[in-house]
Amino acid sequence: MEEFSKRYYKIRDVAEFLGVSQSTLRYWETVFPEVAPTRTATGIRQYTASDIETLRILHYLLKTKGLKVDAAKAQFRQNSANISKRLKIISELNELRSELEVMLMSLTKRK
């Protein structure tokens, strides 16, 4: 899982990190009250690490699991802590898989 070093992130950075369009993030902001980035005086959205974690959960529910918006809202309200833990475990397993694939490629080249 990526660590966030800055205090605030722009919508472009968050969209790139999640692999969705900026318009998708703006839509989620209108549908999910949990997504409420702060805004500068000029109206630029500023996402915190907490906002990004919320968006990661919503991305998982909507894009990965394929839930409809209403079902994702219900899941998020009922179980966001467990979903967050699940995402962390999935991320760690993906990192481990990548490391194992690199090791396998190294071993295959030695033959």
C-alpha atoms as a PDB file:
ATOM      1  CA  MET A   1       0.000   0.000   0.000  1.00  0.00           C
ATOM      2  CA  GLU A   2       1.244   3.432  -0.875  1.00  0.00           C
ATOM      3  CA  GLU A   3       2.120   5.828   1.925  1.00  0.00           C
ATOM      4  CA  PHE A   4       0.923   9.374   1.533  1.00  0.00           C
ATOM      5  CA  SER A   5       3.561  11.947   2.327  1.00  0.00           C
ATOM      6  CA  LYS A   6       1.739  15.169   1.477  1.00  0.00           C
ATOM      7  CA  ARG A   7      -0.976  16.755   3.548  1.00  0.00           C
ATOM      8  CA  TYR A   8      -3.264  17.418   0.577  1.00  0.00           C
ATOM      9  CA  TYR A   9      -3.581  15.950  -2.904  1.00  0.00           C
ATOM     10  CA  LYS A  10      -5.205  17.400  -6.002  1.00  0.00           C
ATOM     11  CA  ILE A  11      -7.992  15.601  -7.809  1.00  0.00           C
ATOM     12  CA  ARG A  12      -5.650  14.764 -10.708  1.00  0.00           C
ATOM     13  CA  ASP A  13      -3.262  12.921  -8.367  1.00  0.00           C
ATOM     14  CA  VAL A  14      -6.056  11.007  -6.639  1.00  0.00           C
ATOM     15  CA  ALA A  15      -7.671  10.043  -9.955  1.00  0.00           C
ATOM     16  CA  GLU A  16      -4.340   8.746 -11.236  1.00  0.00           C
ATOM     17  CA  PHE A  17      -3.676   6.813  -8.024  1.00  0.00           C
ATOM     18  CA  LEU A  18      -7.092   5.127  -8.140  1.00  0.00           C
ATOM     19  CA  GLY A  19      -7.131   4.634 -11.900  1.00  0.00           C
ATOM     20  CA  VAL A  20     -10.391   6.491 -12.451  1.00  0.00           C
ATOM     21  CA  SER A  21     -11.266   9.739 -14.186  1.00  0.00           C
ATOM     22  CA  GLN A  22     -11.573  13.054 -12.401  1.00  0.00           C
ATOM     23  CA  SER A  23     -15.229  13.210 -13.407  1.00  0.00           C
ATOM     24  CA  THR A  24     -15.790   9.878 -11.626  1.00  0.00           C
ATOM     25  CA  LEU A  25     -14.376  11.359  -8.428  1.00  0.00           C
ATOM     26  CA  ARG A  26     -16.595  14.418  -8.790  1.00  0.00           C
ATOM     27  CA  TYR A  27     -19.608  12.134  -9.315  1.00  0.00           C
ATOM     28  CA  TRP A  28     -18.771  10.065  -6.238  1.00  0.00           C
ATOM     29  CA  GLU A  29     -18.562  13.311  -4.291  1.00  0.00           C
ATOM     30  CA  THR A  30     -22.183  14.088  -5.206  1.00  0.00           C
ATOM     31  CA  VAL A  31     -23.462  10.581  -4.437  1.00  0.00           C
ATOM     32  CA  PHE A  32     -21.497   9.707  -1.287  1.00  0.00           C
ATOM     33  CA  PRO A  33     -21.603  12.250   1.542  1.00  0.00           C
ATOM     34  CA  GLU A  34     -18.517  10.528   3.010  1.00  0.00           C
ATOM     35  CA  VAL A  35     -16.463  11.965   0.150  1.00  0.00           C
ATOM     36  CA  ALA A  36     -16.041  15.607   1.065  1.00  0.00           C
ATOM     37  CA  PRO A  37     -12.634  17.014   0.202  1.00  0.00           C
ATOM     38  CA  THR A  38     -11.853  20.461   1.479  1.00  0.00           C
ATOM     39  CA  ARG A  39     -11.660  23.275  -1.043  1.00  0.00           C
ATOM     40  CA  THR A  40      -9.349  26.211  -1.396  1.00  0.00           C
ATOM     41  CA  ALA A  41     -10.683  29.748  -1.713  1.00  0.00           C
ATOM     42  CA  THR A  42     -10.561  29.263  -5.497  1.00  0.00           C
ATOM     43  CA  GLY A  43     -12.565  26.021  -5.319  1.00  0.00           C
ATOM     44  CA  ILE A  44      -9.741  23.517  -5.900  1.00  0.00           C
ATOM     45  CA  ARG A  45     -10.413  20.188  -4.191  1.00  0.00           C
ATOM     46  CA  GLN A  46      -7.858  19.067  -1.608  1.00  0.00           C
ATOM     47  CA  TYR A  47      -7.949  15.399  -0.644  1.00  0.00           C
ATOM     48  CA  THR A  48      -6.395  14.134   2.591  1.00  0.00           C
ATOM     49  CA  ALA A  49      -5.040  10.619   3.152  1.00  0.00           C
ATOM     50  CA  SER A  50      -8.308   9.838   4.950  1.00  0.00           C
ATOM     51  CA  ASP A  51     -10.317  11.002   1.927  1.00  0.00           C
ATOM     52  CA  ILE A  52      -8.200   8.803  -0.327  1.00  0.00           C
ATOM     53  CA  GLU A  53      -8.768   5.783   1.934  1.00  0.00           C
ATOM     54  CA  THR A  54     -12.525   6.381   1.715  1.00  0.00           C
ATOM     55  CA  LEU A  55     -12.242   6.598  -2.063  1.00  0.00           C
ATOM     56  CA  ARG A  56     -10.204   3.375  -2.159  1.00  0.00           C
ATOM     57  CA  ILE A  57     -13.007   1.594  -0.302  1.00  0.00           C
ATOM     58  CA  LEU A  58     -15.618   3.009  -2.674  1.00  0.00           C
ATOM     59  CA  HIS A  59     -13.472   2.058  -5.687  1.00  0.00           C
ATOM     60  CA  TYR A  60     -13.238  -1.493  -4.366  1.00  0.00           C
ATOM     61  CA  LEU A  61     -16.994  -1.721  -3.814  1.00  0.00           C
ATOM     62  CA  LEU A  62     -18.012  -0.118  -7.113  1.00  0.00           C
ATOM     63  CA  LYS A  63     -15.307  -1.182  -9.553  1.00  0.00           C
ATOM     64  CA  THR A  64     -13.825  -4.388  -8.158  1.00  0.00           C
ATOM     65  CA  LYS A  65     -16.911  -5.953  -6.588  1.00  0.00           C
ATOM     66  CA  GLY A  66     -19.239  -4.380  -9.152  1.00  0.00           C
ATOM     67  CA  LEU A  67     -21.866  -3.191  -6.685  1.00  0.00           C
ATOM     68  CA  LYS A  68     -24.484  -0.635  -7.628  1.00  0.00           C
ATOM     69  CA  VAL A  69     -24.317   2.757  -5.888  1.00  0.00           C
ATOM     70  CA  ASP A  70     -27.097   1.975  -3.379  1.00  0.00           C
ATOM     71  CA  ALA A  71     -25.547  -1.368  -2.440  1.00  0.00           C
ATOM     72  CA  ALA A  72     -22.119   0.269  -2.091  1.00  0.00           C
ATOM     73  CA  LYS A  73     -23.606   2.930   0.197  1.00  0.00           C
ATOM     74  CA  ALA A  74     -25.110   0.239   2.422  1.00  0.00           C
ATOM     75  CA  GLN A  75     -21.902  -1.803   2.508  1.00  0.00           C
ATOM     76  CA  PHE A  76     -19.838   1.288   3.277  1.00  0.00           C
ATOM     77  CA  ARG A  77     -22.063   2.354   6.158  1.00  0.00           C
ATOM     78  CA  GLN A  78     -22.268  -1.125   7.658  1.00  0.00           C
ATOM     79  CA  ASN A  79     -18.777  -2.432   7.154  1.00  0.00           C
ATOM     80  CA  SER A  80     -16.198   0.194   6.159  1.00  0.00           C
ATOM     81  CA  ALA A  81     -13.702  -0.868   8.861  1.00  0.00           C
ATOM     82  CA  ASN A  82     -13.676  -4.487   7.684  1.00  0.00           C
ATOM     83  CA  ILE A  83     -13.497  -3.448   4.035  1.00  0.00           C
ATOM     84  CA  SER A  84     -10.495  -1.260   4.838  1.00  0.00           C
ATOM     85  CA  LYS A  85      -8.764  -4.202   6.540  1.00  0.00           C
ATOM     86  CA  ARG A  86      -9.586  -6.422   3.567  1.00  0.00           C
ATOM     87  CA  LEU A  87      -8.101  -3.883   1.155  1.00  0.00           C
ATOM     88  CA  LYS A  88      -4.925  -3.692   3.217  1.00  0.00           C
ATOM     89  CA  ILE A  89      -4.570  -7.477   3.180  1.00  0.00           C
ATOM     90  CA  ILE A  90      -5.236  -7.642  -0.568  1.00  0.00           C
ATOM     91  CA  SER A  91      -2.602  -4.973  -1.154  1.00  0.00           C
ATOM     92  CA  GLU A  92      -0.055  -6.842   0.960  1.00  0.00           C
ATOM     93  CA  LEU A  93      -0.807 -10.100  -0.852  1.00  0.00           C
ATOM     94  CA  ASN A  94      -0.387  -8.406  -4.228  1.00  0.00           C
ATOM     95  CA  GLU A  95       2.995  -7.038  -3.139  1.00  0.00           C
ATOM     96  CA  LEU A  96       4.033 -10.506  -1.958  1.00  0.00           C
ATOM     97  CA  ARG A  97       2.873 -12.014  -5.251  1.00  0.00           C
ATOM     98  CA  SER A  98       4.979  -9.499  -7.167  1.00  0.00           C
ATOM     99  CA  GLU A  99       8.039 -10.356  -5.100  1.00  0.00           C
ATOM    100  CA  LEU A 100       7.473 -14.074  -5.632  1.00  0.00           C
ATOM    101  CA  GLU A 101       7.082 -13.572  -9.383  1.00  0.00           C
ATOM    102  CA  VAL A 102      10.411 -11.720  -9.472  1.00  0.00           C
ATOM    103  CA  MET A 103      12.046 -14.568  -7.564  1.00  0.00           C
ATOM    104  CA  LEU A 104      10.536 -17.133  -9.922  1.00  0.00           C
ATOM    105  CA  MET A 105      11.814 -15.229 -12.967  1.00  0.00           C
ATOM    106  CA  SER A 106      15.290 -15.076 -11.403  1.00  0.00           C
ATOM    107  CA  LEU A 107      15.263 -18.817 -10.758  1.00  0.00           C
ATOM    108  CA  THR A 108      14.022 -19.541 -14.267  1.00  0.00           C
ATOM    109  CA  LYS A 109      16.862 -17.498 -15.777  1.00  0.00           C
ATOM    110  CA  ARG A 110      19.463 -19.436 -13.758  1.00  0.00           C
ATOM    111  CA  LYS A 111      18.552 -22.742 -15.401  1.00  0.00           C
END
